[in-house]
Amino acid sequence: MKMAPQIAWHDYGMQKDVDMGSAGSVTVAILILAVVFLLRSFYKRYNRMTERENETND
């Protein structure tokens, strides 16, 4: 019975150091800004909801 050869990561031609370039940097920046915007909007919505809850409980 013949054993299959072990394949290492470097056999697939992958680079260890990946250079994103300017397009990758812009994409990451846009994604971070979108996440910050969404977190801020959900936080504001949560605060409005809790204020309304407090008004009805008083």
PDB file of N, CA and C in Angstrom:
ATOM      1  N   MET A   1       0.841  -1.173   0.000  1.00  0.00           N
ATOM      2  CA  MET A   1       0.000   0.000   0.000  1.00  0.00           C
ATOM      3  C   MET A   1       0.889   1.240   0.000  1.00  0.00           C
ATOM      4  N   LYS A   2       0.638   2.139  -0.939  1.00  0.00           N
ATOM      5  CA  LYS A   2       1.469   3.317  -1.113  1.00  0.00           C
ATOM      6  C   LYS A   2       0.862   4.503  -0.352  1.00  0.00           C
ATOM      7  N   MET A   3       1.692   5.221   0.381  1.00  0.00           N
ATOM      8  CA  MET A   3       1.228   6.383   1.145  1.00  0.00           C
ATOM      9  C   MET A   3       1.162   7.604   0.241  1.00  0.00           C
ATOM     10  N   ALA A   4       0.136   8.425   0.436  1.00  0.00           N
ATOM     11  CA  ALA A   4       0.015   9.674  -0.314  1.00  0.00           C
ATOM     12  C   ALA A   4       1.039  10.673   0.226  1.00  0.00           C
ATOM     13  N   PRO A   5       1.658  11.449  -0.655  1.00  0.00           N
ATOM     14  CA  PRO A   5       2.665  12.406  -0.179  1.00  0.00           C
ATOM     15  C   PRO A   5       2.005  13.527   0.627  1.00  0.00           C
ATOM     16  N   GLN A   6       2.721  13.990   1.636  1.00  0.00           N
ATOM     17  CA  GLN A   6       2.231  15.103   2.441  1.00  0.00           C
ATOM     18  C   GLN A   6       2.387  16.401   1.653  1.00  0.00           C
ATOM     19  N   ILE A   7       1.335  17.207   1.658  1.00  0.00           N
ATOM     20  CA  ILE A   7       1.361  18.476   0.933  1.00  0.00           C
ATOM     21  C   ILE A   7       1.445  19.606   1.938  1.00  0.00           C
ATOM     22  N   ALA A   8       2.442  20.462   1.760  1.00  0.00           N
ATOM     23  CA  ALA A   8       2.629  21.597   2.659  1.00  0.00           C
ATOM     24  C   ALA A   8       1.989  22.835   2.045  1.00  0.00           C
ATOM     25  N   TRP A   9       1.851  23.869   2.871  1.00  0.00           N
ATOM     26  CA  TRP A   9       1.230  25.104   2.388  1.00  0.00           C
ATOM     27  C   TRP A   9       2.012  25.711   1.238  1.00  0.00           C
ATOM     28  N   HIS A  10       3.327  25.670   1.300  1.00  0.00           N
ATOM     29  CA  HIS A  10       4.114  26.302   0.250  1.00  0.00           C
ATOM     30  C   HIS A  10       3.986  25.560  -1.081  1.00  0.00           C
ATOM     31  N   ASP A  11       3.480  24.338  -1.062  1.00  0.00           N
ATOM     32  CA  ASP A  11       3.282  23.609  -2.316  1.00  0.00           C
ATOM     33  C   ASP A  11       2.116  24.174  -3.122  1.00  0.00           C
ATOM     34  N   TYR A  12       1.214  24.907  -2.474  1.00  0.00           N
ATOM     35  CA  TYR A  12       0.082  25.501  -3.196  1.00  0.00           C
ATOM     36  C   TYR A  12       0.435  26.843  -3.809  1.00  0.00           C
ATOM     37  N   GLY A  13       1.614  27.339  -3.587  1.00  0.00           N
ATOM     38  CA  GLY A  13       2.039  28.604  -4.167  1.00  0.00           C
ATOM     39  C   GLY A  13       1.510  29.806  -3.412  1.00  0.00           C
ATOM     40  N   MET A  14       1.139  29.638  -2.142  1.00  0.00           N
ATOM     41  CA  MET A  14       0.641  30.765  -1.365  1.00  0.00           C
ATOM     42  C   MET A  14       1.807  31.583  -0.830  1.00  0.00           C
ATOM     43  N   GLN A  15       1.591  32.888  -0.780  1.00  0.00           N
ATOM     44  CA  GLN A  15       2.620  33.762  -0.222  1.00  0.00           C
ATOM     45  C   GLN A  15       2.403  33.887   1.274  1.00  0.00           C
ATOM     46  N   LYS A  16       3.487  33.955   1.994  1.00  0.00           N
ATOM     47  CA  LYS A  16       3.366  34.151   3.441  1.00  0.00           C
ATOM     48  C   LYS A  16       3.117  35.614   3.769  1.00  0.00           C
ATOM     49  N   ASP A  17       3.770  36.528   3.063  1.00  0.00           N
ATOM     50  CA  ASP A  17       3.560  37.958   3.259  1.00  0.00           C
ATOM     51  C   ASP A  17       2.638  38.459   2.157  1.00  0.00           C
ATOM     52  N   VAL A  18       1.457  38.894   2.560  1.00  0.00           N
ATOM     53  CA  VAL A  18       0.472  39.357   1.586  1.00  0.00           C
ATOM     54  C   VAL A  18       0.509  40.876   1.551  1.00  0.00           C
ATOM     55  N   ASP A  19       0.651  41.434   0.369  1.00  0.00           N
ATOM     56  CA  ASP A  19       0.655  42.877   0.194  1.00  0.00           C
ATOM     57  C   ASP A  19      -0.738  43.301  -0.256  1.00  0.00           C
ATOM     58  N   MET A  20      -1.461  44.016   0.627  1.00  0.00           N
ATOM     59  CA  MET A  20      -2.832  44.403   0.306  1.00  0.00           C
ATOM     60  C   MET A  20      -2.881  45.483  -0.756  1.00  0.00           C
ATOM     61  N   GLY A  21      -1.993  46.428  -0.679  1.00  0.00           N
ATOM     62  CA  GLY A  21      -2.030  47.528  -1.621  1.00  0.00           C
ATOM     63  C   GLY A  21      -3.054  48.564  -1.214  1.00  0.00           C
ATOM     64  N   SER A  22      -3.238  49.559  -2.078  1.00  0.00           N
ATOM     65  CA  SER A  22      -4.134  50.664  -1.730  1.00  0.00           C
ATOM     66  C   SER A  22      -5.596  50.243  -1.790  1.00  0.00           C
ATOM     67  N   ALA A  23      -5.963  49.356  -2.714  1.00  0.00           N
ATOM     68  CA  ALA A  23      -7.362  48.936  -2.823  1.00  0.00           C
ATOM     69  C   ALA A  23      -7.804  48.175  -1.573  1.00  0.00           C
ATOM     70  N   GLY A  24      -6.946  47.336  -1.048  1.00  0.00           N
ATOM     71  CA  GLY A  24      -7.275  46.608   0.166  1.00  0.00           C
ATOM     72  C   GLY A  24      -7.376  47.519   1.368  1.00  0.00           C
ATOM     73  N   SER A  25      -6.506  48.505   1.434  1.00  0.00           N
ATOM     74  CA  SER A  25      -6.542  49.455   2.548  1.00  0.00           C
ATOM     75  C   SER A  25      -7.814  50.290   2.511  1.00  0.00           C
ATOM     76  N   VAL A  26      -8.213  50.724   1.329  1.00  0.00           N
ATOM     77  CA  VAL A  26      -9.446  51.507   1.197  1.00  0.00           C
ATOM     78  C   VAL A  26     -10.644  50.647   1.564  1.00  0.00           C
ATOM     79  N   THR A  27     -10.642  49.397   1.156  1.00  0.00           N
ATOM     80  CA  THR A  27     -11.749  48.488   1.478  1.00  0.00           C
ATOM     81  C   THR A  27     -11.859  48.283   2.981  1.00  0.00           C
ATOM     82  N   VAL A  28     -10.750  48.065   3.646  1.00  0.00           N
ATOM     83  CA  VAL A  28     -10.761  47.879   5.097  1.00  0.00           C
ATOM     84  C   VAL A  28     -11.247  49.145   5.782  1.00  0.00           C
ATOM     85  N   ALA A  29     -10.810  50.306   5.317  1.00  0.00           N
ATOM     86  CA  ALA A  29     -11.244  51.570   5.916  1.00  0.00           C
ATOM     87  C   ALA A  29     -12.756  51.756   5.755  1.00  0.00           C
ATOM     88  N   ILE A  30     -13.294  51.435   4.589  1.00  0.00           N
ATOM     89  CA  ILE A  30     -14.739  51.562   4.357  1.00  0.00           C
ATOM     90  C   ILE A  30     -15.510  50.600   5.247  1.00  0.00           C
ATOM     91  N   LEU A  31     -15.017  49.380   5.398  1.00  0.00           N
ATOM     92  CA  LEU A  31     -15.698  48.411   6.259  1.00  0.00           C
ATOM     93  C   LEU A  31     -15.688  48.859   7.717  1.00  0.00           C
ATOM     94  N   ILE A  32     -14.584  49.416   8.174  1.00  0.00           N
ATOM     95  CA  ILE A  32     -14.506  49.893   9.560  1.00  0.00           C
ATOM     96  C   ILE A  32     -15.475  51.052   9.765  1.00  0.00           C
ATOM     97  N   LEU A  33     -15.529  51.983   8.816  1.00  0.00           N
ATOM     98  CA  LEU A  33     -16.455  53.105   8.936  1.00  0.00           C
ATOM     99  C   LEU A  33     -17.904  52.633   8.937  1.00  0.00           C
ATOM    100  N   ALA A  34     -18.220  51.639   8.118  1.00  0.00           N
ATOM    101  CA  ALA A  34     -19.586  51.116   8.080  1.00  0.00           C
ATOM    102  C   ALA A  34     -19.954  50.461   9.406  1.00  0.00           C
ATOM    103  N   VAL A  35     -19.042  49.721   9.987  1.00  0.00           N
ATOM    104  CA  VAL A  35     -19.314  49.068  11.275  1.00  0.00           C
ATOM    105  C   VAL A  35     -19.490  50.113  12.371  1.00  0.00           C
ATOM    106  N   VAL A  36     -18.651  51.138  12.382  1.00  0.00           N
ATOM    107  CA  VAL A  36     -18.777  52.207  13.380  1.00  0.00           C
ATOM    108  C   VAL A  36     -20.123  52.912  13.224  1.00  0.00           C
ATOM    109  N   PHE A  37     -20.525  53.204  11.997  1.00  0.00           N
ATOM    110  CA  PHE A  37     -21.809  53.859  11.754  1.00  0.00           C
ATOM    111  C   PHE A  37     -22.971  52.994  12.240  1.00  0.00           C
ATOM    112  N   LEU A  38     -22.929  51.701  11.942  1.00  0.00           N
ATOM    113  CA  LEU A  38     -24.005  50.810  12.378  1.00  0.00           C
ATOM    114  C   LEU A  38     -24.054  50.682  13.893  1.00  0.00           C
ATOM    115  N   LEU A  39     -22.902  50.537  14.538  1.00  0.00           N
ATOM    116  CA  LEU A  39     -22.876  50.447  15.995  1.00  0.00           C
ATOM    117  C   LEU A  39     -23.421  51.723  16.631  1.00  0.00           C
ATOM    118  N   ARG A  40     -23.064  52.865  16.082  1.00  0.00           N
ATOM    119  CA  ARG A  40     -23.552  54.146  16.611  1.00  0.00           C
ATOM    120  C   ARG A  40     -25.059  54.262  16.451  1.00  0.00           C
ATOM    121  N   SER A  41     -25.586  53.880  15.293  1.00  0.00           N
ATOM    122  CA  SER A  41     -27.020  54.008  15.078  1.00  0.00           C
ATOM    123  C   SER A  41     -27.802  53.051  15.979  1.00  0.00           C
ATOM    124  N   PHE A  42     -27.306  51.846  16.172  1.00  0.00           N
ATOM    125  CA  PHE A  42     -27.999  50.916  17.071  1.00  0.00           C
ATOM    126  C   PHE A  42     -27.914  51.387  18.517  1.00  0.00           C
ATOM    127  N   TYR A  43     -26.801  52.009  18.902  1.00  0.00           N
ATOM    128  CA  TYR A  43     -26.663  52.534  20.260  1.00  0.00           C
ATOM    129  C   TYR A  43     -27.654  53.672  20.496  1.00  0.00           C
ATOM    130  N   LYS A  44     -27.785  54.566  19.505  1.00  0.00           N
ATOM    131  CA  LYS A  44     -28.744  55.659  19.631  1.00  0.00           C
ATOM    132  C   LYS A  44     -30.172  55.127  19.708  1.00  0.00           C
ATOM    133  N   ARG A  45     -30.480  54.121  18.910  1.00  0.00           N
ATOM    134  CA  ARG A  45     -31.820  53.531  18.943  1.00  0.00           C
ATOM    135  C   ARG A  45     -32.086  52.876  20.293  1.00  0.00           C
ATOM    136  N   TYR A  46     -31.085  52.206  20.840  1.00  0.00           N
ATOM    137  CA  TYR A  46     -31.226  51.562  22.145  1.00  0.00           C
ATOM    138  C   TYR A  46     -31.475  52.602  23.234  1.00  0.00           C
ATOM    139  N   ASN A  47     -30.731  53.718  23.178  1.00  0.00           N
ATOM    140  CA  ASN A  47     -30.918  54.773  24.172  1.00  0.00           C
ATOM    141  C   ASN A  47     -32.318  55.376  24.083  1.00  0.00           C
ATOM    142  N   ARG A  48     -32.824  55.604  22.872  1.00  0.00           N
ATOM    143  CA  ARG A  48     -34.186  56.134  22.729  1.00  0.00           C
ATOM    144  C   ARG A  48     -35.205  55.158  23.286  1.00  0.00           C
ATOM    145  N   MET A  49     -34.993  53.866  23.051  1.00  0.00           N
ATOM    146  CA  MET A  49     -35.928  52.859  23.545  1.00  0.00           C
ATOM    147  C   MET A  49     -35.931  52.827  25.074  1.00  0.00           C
ATOM    148  N   THR A  50     -34.757  52.892  25.693  1.00  0.00           N
ATOM    149  CA  THR A  50     -34.709  52.849  27.152  1.00  0.00           C
ATOM    150  C   THR A  50     -35.292  54.126  27.760  1.00  0.00           C
ATOM    151  N   GLU A  51     -35.120  55.284  27.108  1.00  0.00           N
ATOM    152  CA  GLU A  51     -35.726  56.519  27.600  1.00  0.00           C
ATOM    153  C   GLU A  51     -37.251  56.434  27.554  1.00  0.00           C
ATOM    154  N   ARG A  52     -37.795  55.866  26.488  1.00  0.00           N
ATOM    155  CA  ARG A  52     -39.245  55.698  26.398  1.00  0.00           C
ATOM    156  C   ARG A  52     -39.745  54.729  27.463  1.00  0.00           C
ATOM    157  N   GLU A  53     -38.970  53.691  27.728  1.00  0.00           N
ATOM    158  CA  GLU A  53     -39.354  52.729  28.766  1.00  0.00           C
ATOM    159  C   GLU A  53     -39.372  53.403  30.128  1.00  0.00           C
ATOM    160  N   ASN A  54     -38.383  54.241  30.387  1.00  0.00           N
ATOM    161  CA  ASN A  54     -38.313  54.939  31.675  1.00  0.00           C
ATOM    162  C   ASN A  54     -39.460  55.932  31.840  1.00  0.00           C
ATOM    163  N   GLU A  55     -39.875  56.584  30.741  1.00  0.00           N
ATOM    164  CA  GLU A  55     -40.983  57.536  30.809  1.00  0.00           C
ATOM    165  C   GLU A  55     -42.294  56.822  31.125  1.00  0.00           C
ATOM    166  N   THR A  56     -42.499  55.653  30.562  1.00  0.00           N
ATOM    167  CA  THR A  56     -43.745  54.934  30.803  1.00  0.00           C
ATOM    168  C   THR A  56     -43.774  54.330  32.206  1.00  0.00           C
ATOM    169  N   ASN A  57     -42.609  54.025  32.781  1.00  0.00           N
ATOM    170  CA  ASN A  57     -42.559  53.446  34.119  1.00  0.00           C
ATOM    171  C   ASN A  57     -42.728  54.492  35.213  1.00  0.00           C
ATOM    172  N   ASP A  58     -42.460  55.756  34.905  1.00  0.00           N
ATOM    173  CA  ASP A  58     -42.566  56.812  35.919  1.00  0.00           C
ATOM    174  C   ASP A  58     -43.990  57.199  36.224  1.00  0.00           C
TER     175      ASP A  58
END
